[in-house]
Amino acid sequence: MDRSNEINNPAPQEEAKKPKELLPMLFDALEIFCLSAVLVIMIFTFVGRLATVSGDSMEPTLQNGDRVLVSSFFYKPERGDVVVVQKASGYYDDQLLIKRVIATGGQTITFNFATWTVSVDGEIVDEPYINRVLGAMYKGDITGDTVTVPEGCYFVMGDNRNASSDSRYDTVGFVKEVEIVGRTVARISPTFKKMD
């Protein structure tokens, strides 16, 4: 009896096993993909994301094109923090702004535009990071020299004061807490620098 035909042609049971083995492999790959996607989303939502500095409003602290790591994990904005802002509506609603928090809700800011000094609740803010140029600091759309920040809002400014669109101007205005994406933790390129 010739059994060579049986050896060359596997039994139907063996052929049926191949698709069954492929199905668990596909499910494993899909599971790994889904878990990876969820992990990436959680990292970018809770731990950090990347943003690119656009323009020179934060010089000398940050330069145009710098890449920064932004974190919102258990974050409450504080005075002095460099934050990323996404306005909900208005002129800048389609771009990220990187600015420094000058005052928080309920605080009163007093400006001396001639001497470039900013006081919050009567205390002059030490600002060694600002880029001073000849002449006075621009006033923007501020009427007078005193501003009180509404509760739940923040007053932000760029370190390069006379080249910054910020809360002094109606196009930005006060920033709501929900409009703050997070705090810049570090500049990661072109060179690494931890933000203070």
C-alpha atoms as a PDB file:
ATOM      1  CA  MET A   1       0.000   0.000   0.000  1.00  0.00           C
ATOM      2  CA  ASP A   2       1.400   3.370  -1.067  1.00  0.00           C
ATOM      3  CA  ARG A   3       1.431   5.815   1.901  1.00  0.00           C
ATOM      4  CA  SER A   4       3.498   8.527   0.179  1.00  0.00           C
ATOM      5  CA  ASN A   5       0.318  10.391  -0.749  1.00  0.00           C
ATOM      6  CA  GLU A   6      -0.622  10.658   2.934  1.00  0.00           C
ATOM      7  CA  ILE A   7       2.787  12.101   3.849  1.00  0.00           C
ATOM      8  CA  ASN A   8       2.753  14.728   1.079  1.00  0.00           C
ATOM      9  CA  ASN A   9      -0.842  15.776   1.721  1.00  0.00           C
ATOM     10  CA  PRO A  10      -1.387  16.493   5.429  1.00  0.00           C
ATOM     11  CA  ALA A  11      -4.627  15.496   6.979  1.00  0.00           C
ATOM     12  CA  PRO A  12      -7.425  18.098   7.012  1.00  0.00           C
ATOM     13  CA  GLN A  13      -7.100  18.335  10.806  1.00  0.00           C
ATOM     14  CA  GLU A  14      -3.557  19.733  10.556  1.00  0.00           C
ATOM     15  CA  GLU A  15      -4.608  22.371   7.981  1.00  0.00           C
ATOM     16  CA  ALA A  16      -7.498  23.465  10.211  1.00  0.00           C
ATOM     17  CA  LYS A  17      -5.078  24.122  13.089  1.00  0.00           C
ATOM     18  CA  LYS A  18      -3.130  26.834  11.191  1.00  0.00           C
ATOM     19  CA  PRO A  19      -5.950  29.470  11.087  1.00  0.00           C
ATOM     20  CA  LYS A  20      -6.731  28.759  14.747  1.00  0.00           C
ATOM     21  CA  GLU A  21      -3.082  29.484  15.665  1.00  0.00           C
ATOM     22  CA  LEU A  22      -3.098  32.737  13.666  1.00  0.00           C
ATOM     23  CA  LEU A  23      -6.165  34.126  15.440  1.00  0.00           C
ATOM     24  CA  PRO A  24      -4.584  34.206  18.951  1.00  0.00           C
ATOM     25  CA  MET A  25      -1.481  35.859  17.502  1.00  0.00           C
ATOM     26  CA  LEU A  26      -3.637  38.603  15.965  1.00  0.00           C
ATOM     27  CA  PHE A  27      -5.454  39.121  19.264  1.00  0.00           C
ATOM     28  CA  ASP A  28      -2.114  39.356  21.107  1.00  0.00           C
ATOM     29  CA  ALA A  29      -0.818  41.937  18.637  1.00  0.00           C
ATOM     30  CA  LEU A  30      -4.044  43.953  18.901  1.00  0.00           C
ATOM     31  CA  GLU A  31      -3.881  43.816  22.692  1.00  0.00           C
ATOM     32  CA  ILE A  32      -0.274  45.054  22.716  1.00  0.00           C
ATOM     33  CA  PHE A  33      -1.168  47.869  20.303  1.00  0.00           C
ATOM     34  CA  CYS A  34      -4.164  48.975  22.407  1.00  0.00           C
ATOM     35  CA  LEU A  35      -2.183  48.913  25.661  1.00  0.00           C
ATOM     36  CA  SER A  36       0.630  50.918  24.041  1.00  0.00           C
ATOM     37  CA  ALA A  37      -1.826  53.513  22.722  1.00  0.00           C
ATOM     38  CA  VAL A  38      -3.473  53.879  26.144  1.00  0.00           C
ATOM     39  CA  LEU A  39      -0.047  54.218  27.797  1.00  0.00           C
ATOM     40  CA  VAL A  40       1.044  56.934  25.337  1.00  0.00           C
ATOM     41  CA  ILE A  41      -2.219  58.842  25.849  1.00  0.00           C
ATOM     42  CA  MET A  42      -1.847  58.634  29.642  1.00  0.00           C
ATOM     43  CA  ILE A  43       1.763  59.838  29.494  1.00  0.00           C
ATOM     44  CA  PHE A  44       0.875  62.833  27.319  1.00  0.00           C
ATOM     45  CA  THR A  45      -2.219  63.629  29.385  1.00  0.00           C
ATOM     46  CA  PHE A  46      -0.844  63.250  32.890  1.00  0.00           C
ATOM     47  CA  VAL A  47       2.947  63.267  32.769  1.00  0.00           C
ATOM     48  CA  GLY A  48       4.095  65.486  29.942  1.00  0.00           C
ATOM     49  CA  ARG A  49       4.054  66.544  26.344  1.00  0.00           C
ATOM     50  CA  LEU A  50       6.349  68.461  24.035  1.00  0.00           C
ATOM     51  CA  ALA A  51       5.884  72.030  22.832  1.00  0.00           C
ATOM     52  CA  THR A  52       7.949  74.234  20.543  1.00  0.00           C
ATOM     53  CA  VAL A  53       8.728  77.859  21.351  1.00  0.00           C
ATOM     54  CA  SER A  54       7.475  80.121  18.569  1.00  0.00           C
ATOM     55  CA  GLY A  55       8.903  83.628  18.447  1.00  0.00           C
ATOM     56  CA  ASP A  56      11.216  85.582  20.738  1.00  0.00           C
ATOM     57  CA  SER A  57       8.798  86.621  23.510  1.00  0.00           C
ATOM     58  CA  MET A  58      10.548  84.455  26.125  1.00  0.00           C
ATOM     59  CA  GLU A  59      14.145  85.485  25.391  1.00  0.00           C
ATOM     60  CA  PRO A  60      16.609  85.138  27.017  1.00  0.00           C
ATOM     61  CA  THR A  61      15.019  82.231  28.953  1.00  0.00           C
ATOM     62  CA  LEU A  62      13.821  80.378  25.843  1.00  0.00           C
ATOM     63  CA  GLN A  63      14.697  80.916  22.191  1.00  0.00           C
ATOM     64  CA  ASN A  64      12.612  80.532  19.048  1.00  0.00           C
ATOM     65  CA  GLY A  65      12.547  76.844  18.070  1.00  0.00           C
ATOM     66  CA  ASP A  66      13.456  75.481  21.508  1.00  0.00           C
ATOM     67  CA  ARG A  67      11.609  72.270  22.425  1.00  0.00           C
ATOM     68  CA  VAL A  68      10.251  72.086  25.960  1.00  0.00           C
ATOM     69  CA  LEU A  69       8.746  69.327  28.085  1.00  0.00           C
ATOM     70  CA  VAL A  70       5.404  70.397  29.548  1.00  0.00           C
ATOM     71  CA  SER A  71       3.807  68.688  32.553  1.00  0.00           C
ATOM     72  CA  SER A  72       0.284  69.039  33.908  1.00  0.00           C
ATOM     73  CA  PHE A  73       0.497  66.167  36.398  1.00  0.00           C
ATOM     74  CA  PHE A  74      -1.075  67.396  39.687  1.00  0.00           C
ATOM     75  CA  TYR A  75      -0.189  70.933  38.625  1.00  0.00           C
ATOM     76  CA  LYS A  76      -1.548  74.175  40.064  1.00  0.00           C
ATOM     77  CA  PRO A  77      -0.036  77.287  38.392  1.00  0.00           C
ATOM     78  CA  GLU A  78       2.074  79.504  40.661  1.00  0.00           C
ATOM     79  CA  ARG A  79       3.682  82.893  40.245  1.00  0.00           C
ATOM     80  CA  GLY A  80       6.990  82.658  38.419  1.00  0.00           C
ATOM     81  CA  ASP A  81       6.165  79.427  36.545  1.00  0.00           C
ATOM     82  CA  VAL A  82       6.758  79.324  32.800  1.00  0.00           C
ATOM     83  CA  VAL A  83       3.536  77.882  31.411  1.00  0.00           C
ATOM     84  CA  VAL A  84       2.038  76.835  28.110  1.00  0.00           C
ATOM     85  CA  VAL A  85      -1.287  78.495  27.372  1.00  0.00           C
ATOM     86  CA  GLN A  86      -3.968  77.432  24.888  1.00  0.00           C
ATOM     87  CA  LYS A  87      -6.583  80.176  24.696  1.00  0.00           C
ATOM     88  CA  ALA A  88     -10.147  78.827  24.420  1.00  0.00           C
ATOM     89  CA  SER A  89     -11.197  81.549  21.997  1.00  0.00           C
ATOM     90  CA  GLY A  90      -9.972  84.730  20.368  1.00  0.00           C
ATOM     91  CA  TYR A  91      -6.929  85.752  18.377  1.00  0.00           C
ATOM     92  CA  TYR A  92      -4.549  83.099  19.767  1.00  0.00           C
ATOM     93  CA  ASP A  93      -6.959  80.151  19.996  1.00  0.00           C
ATOM     94  CA  ASP A  94      -5.080  78.208  17.308  1.00  0.00           C
ATOM     95  CA  GLN A  95      -1.600  78.263  18.850  1.00  0.00           C
ATOM     96  CA  LEU A  96       0.270  77.575  22.050  1.00  0.00           C
ATOM     97  CA  LEU A  97       1.678  80.540  23.968  1.00  0.00           C
ATOM     98  CA  ILE A  98       4.619  80.137  26.342  1.00  0.00           C
ATOM     99  CA  LYS A  99       4.642  82.815  29.065  1.00  0.00           C
ATOM    100  CA  ARG A 100       5.527  83.389  32.721  1.00  0.00           C
ATOM    101  CA  VAL A 101       2.864  83.629  35.443  1.00  0.00           C
ATOM    102  CA  ILE A 102       3.134  87.091  37.035  1.00  0.00           C
ATOM    103  CA  ALA A 103       0.083  87.038  39.307  1.00  0.00           C
ATOM    104  CA  THR A 104      -2.784  84.727  40.259  1.00  0.00           C
ATOM    105  CA  GLY A 105      -6.471  85.310  40.922  1.00  0.00           C
ATOM    106  CA  GLY A 106      -7.215  88.054  43.446  1.00  0.00           C
ATOM    107  CA  GLN A 107      -3.740  89.582  43.332  1.00  0.00           C
ATOM    108  CA  THR A 108      -3.126  93.206  42.337  1.00  0.00           C
ATOM    109  CA  ILE A 109      -0.291  94.125  39.985  1.00  0.00           C
ATOM    110  CA  THR A 110       1.247  97.593  39.947  1.00  0.00           C
ATOM    111  CA  PHE A 111       3.484  98.522  37.019  1.00  0.00           C
ATOM    112  CA  ASN A 112       6.189 101.131  36.809  1.00  0.00           C
ATOM    113  CA  PHE A 113       6.661 101.102  33.047  1.00  0.00           C
ATOM    114  CA  ALA A 114       9.515 103.626  33.150  1.00  0.00           C
ATOM    115  CA  THR A 115      11.670 101.547  35.521  1.00  0.00           C
ATOM    116  CA  TRP A 116      10.484  98.107  34.293  1.00  0.00           C
ATOM    117  CA  THR A 117       9.353  97.093  37.778  1.00  0.00           C
ATOM    118  CA  VAL A 118       6.330  94.982  38.565  1.00  0.00           C
ATOM    119  CA  SER A 119       4.834  94.764  42.059  1.00  0.00           C
ATOM    120  CA  VAL A 120       2.343  92.134  43.183  1.00  0.00           C
ATOM    121  CA  ASP A 121       0.261  93.042  46.240  1.00  0.00           C
ATOM    122  CA  GLY A 122       2.723  95.839  47.013  1.00  0.00           C
ATOM    123  CA  GLU A 123       5.872  93.677  46.799  1.00  0.00           C
ATOM    124  CA  ILE A 124       8.331  94.298  43.949  1.00  0.00           C
ATOM    125  CA  VAL A 125       8.917  91.087  42.014  1.00  0.00           C
ATOM    126  CA  ASP A 126      12.584  90.188  41.518  1.00  0.00           C
ATOM    127  CA  GLU A 127      12.845  89.469  37.791  1.00  0.00           C
ATOM    128  CA  PRO A 128      16.465  88.812  36.799  1.00  0.00           C
ATOM    129  CA  TYR A 129      15.249  86.842  33.768  1.00  0.00           C
ATOM    130  CA  ILE A 130      13.632  89.711  31.821  1.00  0.00           C
ATOM    131  CA  ASN A 131      15.142  91.201  28.683  1.00  0.00           C
ATOM    132  CA  ARG A 132      15.340  94.972  29.267  1.00  0.00           C
ATOM    133  CA  VAL A 133      15.872  97.321  26.350  1.00  0.00           C
ATOM    134  CA  LEU A 134      16.312 101.076  26.142  1.00  0.00           C
ATOM    135  CA  GLY A 135      13.185 103.062  26.885  1.00  0.00           C
ATOM    136  CA  ALA A 136      10.090 102.152  28.850  1.00  0.00           C
ATOM    137  CA  MET A 137       8.367  98.794  29.105  1.00  0.00           C
ATOM    138  CA  TYR A 138       5.364  98.697  26.792  1.00  0.00           C
ATOM    139  CA  LYS A 139       2.040  99.274  28.475  1.00  0.00           C
ATOM    140  CA  GLY A 140      -0.092  97.401  25.976  1.00  0.00           C
ATOM    141  CA  ASP A 141      -3.827  97.906  26.461  1.00  0.00           C
ATOM    142  CA  ILE A 142      -3.572  98.489  30.219  1.00  0.00           C
ATOM    143  CA  THR A 143      -5.372 101.581  31.467  1.00  0.00           C
ATOM    144  CA  GLY A 144      -3.465 103.176  34.335  1.00  0.00           C
ATOM    145  CA  ASP A 145      -0.742 101.284  36.142  1.00  0.00           C
ATOM    146  CA  THR A 146      -2.703  98.852  38.336  1.00  0.00           C
ATOM    147  CA  VAL A 147      -4.511  95.631  37.434  1.00  0.00           C
ATOM    148  CA  THR A 148      -6.395  93.198  39.689  1.00  0.00           C
ATOM    149  CA  VAL A 149      -6.527  89.615  38.429  1.00  0.00           C
ATOM    150  CA  PRO A 150     -10.001  88.029  38.569  1.00  0.00           C
ATOM    151  CA  GLU A 151     -10.431  84.839  40.625  1.00  0.00           C
ATOM    152  CA  GLY A 152      -9.724  81.713  38.608  1.00  0.00           C
ATOM    153  CA  CYS A 153      -7.470  83.629  36.205  1.00  0.00           C
ATOM    154  CA  TYR A 154      -3.780  84.385  35.760  1.00  0.00           C
ATOM    155  CA  PHE A 155      -1.785  87.325  34.427  1.00  0.00           C
ATOM    156  CA  VAL A 156       1.063  86.146  32.192  1.00  0.00           C
ATOM    157  CA  MET A 157       3.909  87.977  30.482  1.00  0.00           C
ATOM    158  CA  GLY A 158       6.860  87.108  28.289  1.00  0.00           C
ATOM    159  CA  ASP A 159      10.391  87.594  29.607  1.00  0.00           C
ATOM    160  CA  ASN A 160      11.184  89.674  26.518  1.00  0.00           C
ATOM    161  CA  ARG A 161       8.632  92.260  27.606  1.00  0.00           C
ATOM    162  CA  ASN A 162       8.726  94.595  24.608  1.00  0.00           C
ATOM    163  CA  ALA A 163       8.451  91.723  22.124  1.00  0.00           C
ATOM    164  CA  SER A 164       5.678  89.777  23.826  1.00  0.00           C
ATOM    165  CA  SER A 165       1.941  89.529  23.244  1.00  0.00           C
ATOM    166  CA  ASP A 166       0.676  88.701  26.714  1.00  0.00           C
ATOM    167  CA  SER A 167      -1.911  89.645  29.334  1.00  0.00           C
ATOM    168  CA  ARG A 168      -1.128  93.347  28.852  1.00  0.00           C
ATOM    169  CA  TYR A 169      -2.903  93.121  25.510  1.00  0.00           C
ATOM    170  CA  ASP A 170      -6.602  92.478  24.933  1.00  0.00           C
ATOM    171  CA  THR A 171      -5.764  89.780  22.345  1.00  0.00           C
ATOM    172  CA  VAL A 172      -4.486  87.584  25.212  1.00  0.00           C
ATOM    173  CA  GLY A 173      -5.933  89.140  28.368  1.00  0.00           C
ATOM    174  CA  PHE A 174      -6.354  87.195  31.588  1.00  0.00           C
ATOM    175  CA  VAL A 175      -5.738  83.460  31.246  1.00  0.00           C
ATOM    176  CA  LYS A 176      -8.239  81.050  32.776  1.00  0.00           C
ATOM    177  CA  GLU A 177      -6.886  78.059  34.672  1.00  0.00           C
ATOM    178  CA  VAL A 178      -8.430  75.651  32.142  1.00  0.00           C
ATOM    179  CA  GLU A 179      -6.435  77.409  29.404  1.00  0.00           C
ATOM    180  CA  ILE A 180      -3.110  76.504  31.035  1.00  0.00           C
ATOM    181  CA  VAL A 181      -1.870  73.303  29.405  1.00  0.00           C
ATOM    182  CA  GLY A 182       0.909  72.840  31.959  1.00  0.00           C
ATOM    183  CA  ARG A 183       4.244  74.052  33.290  1.00  0.00           C
ATOM    184  CA  THR A 184       7.473  73.822  31.332  1.00  0.00           C
ATOM    185  CA  VAL A 185       9.651  71.372  33.229  1.00  0.00           C
ATOM    186  CA  ALA A 186      12.727  71.481  31.019  1.00  0.00           C
ATOM    187  CA  ARG A 187      14.100  72.613  27.708  1.00  0.00           C
ATOM    188  CA  ILE A 188      15.071  69.406  25.933  1.00  0.00           C
ATOM    189  CA  SER A 189      16.587  70.823  22.745  1.00  0.00           C
ATOM    190  CA  PRO A 190      18.837  72.171  21.423  1.00  0.00           C
ATOM    191  CA  THR A 191      20.443  71.466  24.839  1.00  0.00           C
ATOM    192  CA  PHE A 192      18.885  70.174  28.030  1.00  0.00           C
ATOM    193  CA  LYS A 193      18.137  72.732  30.732  1.00  0.00           C
ATOM    194  CA  LYS A 194      15.906  72.212  33.758  1.00  0.00           C
ATOM    195  CA  MET A 195      13.456  75.091  34.236  1.00  0.00           C
ATOM    196  CA  ASP A 196      13.506  76.751  37.652  1.00  0.00           C
END
